[in-house]
Amino acid sequence: MNAVTPREREIIGWMAAGKTAAEIGAILGISPITVNTHISNAKAKLGVFKETALVAAALRNGIIR
């Protein structure tokens, strides 16, 4: 399993807090498309297909708390 980047970790944390890609983009000053790219990259690294599974895998693997 490839390690997620600090930015991917940050975005997953916001996802876990219930934020949408548009909201995360506004918080971080990046576009929602860029947010979705980070989410897609993190899903591939953790071997999951859905965003809820991404958050669950990140919690399970200690990537976020």
Protein backbone atom coordinates (compact mmCIF):
# COMPACT_ATOMS: atom_id res chain seq x y z
CA MET A 1 0.00 0.00 0.00
CA ASN A 2 1.40 3.38 -1.02
CA ALA A 3 1.33 6.04 1.64
CA VAL A 4 -1.14 8.86 1.20
CA THR A 5 0.28 12.36 0.93
CA PRO A 6 -0.21 14.97 3.64
CA ARG A 7 -2.72 16.78 1.38
CA GLU A 8 -4.68 13.56 0.79
CA ARG A 9 -4.70 12.96 4.54
CA GLU A 10 -5.98 16.48 5.12
CA ILE A 11 -8.76 16.06 2.56
CA ILE A 12 -9.81 12.69 3.99
CA GLY A 13 -10.04 14.33 7.40
CA TRP A 14 -12.40 16.97 6.02
CA MET A 15 -14.41 14.24 4.31
CA ALA A 16 -14.74 12.46 7.65
CA ALA A 17 -16.09 15.73 9.07
CA GLY A 18 -18.83 15.65 6.44
CA LYS A 19 -17.52 18.28 4.05
CA THR A 20 -18.18 18.13 0.30
CA ALA A 21 -15.50 18.55 -2.35
CA ALA A 22 -16.69 22.12 -2.95
CA GLU A 23 -16.51 22.92 0.76
CA ILE A 24 -13.08 21.32 1.11
CA GLY A 25 -11.86 23.25 -1.91
CA ALA A 26 -13.07 26.52 -0.39
CA ILE A 27 -11.40 25.71 2.94
CA LEU A 28 -8.08 24.79 1.33
CA GLY A 29 -8.14 27.36 -1.47
CA ILE A 30 -8.11 24.77 -4.26
CA SER A 31 -10.68 23.77 -6.85
CA PRO A 32 -13.19 20.98 -6.23
CA ILE A 33 -11.67 19.20 -9.24
CA THR A 34 -8.31 19.15 -7.49
CA VAL A 35 -10.00 17.86 -4.33
CA ASN A 36 -11.59 15.06 -6.34
CA THR A 37 -8.21 14.21 -7.89
CA HIS A 38 -6.70 13.85 -4.42
CA ILE A 39 -9.66 11.70 -3.36
CA SER A 40 -9.27 9.46 -6.42
CA ASN A 41 -5.54 9.07 -5.79
CA ALA A 42 -6.13 8.18 -2.14
CA LYS A 43 -8.84 5.66 -3.05
CA ALA A 44 -6.44 3.95 -5.45
CA LYS A 45 -3.68 3.86 -2.85
CA LEU A 46 -5.98 2.33 -0.22
CA GLY A 47 -7.67 -0.03 -2.68
CA VAL A 48 -11.23 1.21 -2.22
CA PHE A 49 -13.88 2.42 -4.66
CA LYS A 50 -16.23 4.59 -2.60
CA GLU A 51 -15.62 7.69 -0.53
CA THR A 52 -17.18 6.17 2.58
CA ALA A 53 -14.85 3.19 2.21
CA LEU A 54 -11.93 5.62 1.88
CA VAL A 55 -12.76 7.28 5.19
CA ALA A 56 -13.26 3.89 6.87
CA ALA A 57 -9.94 2.58 5.52
CA ALA A 58 -8.16 5.74 6.64
CA LEU A 59 -9.58 5.38 10.14
CA ARG A 60 -8.77 1.66 10.26
CA ASN A 61 -5.17 2.25 9.11
CA GLY A 62 -4.53 5.18 11.45
CA ILE A 63 -4.23 7.68 8.61
CA ILE A 64 -6.81 9.91 10.31
CA ARG A 65 -8.35 9.89 13.77
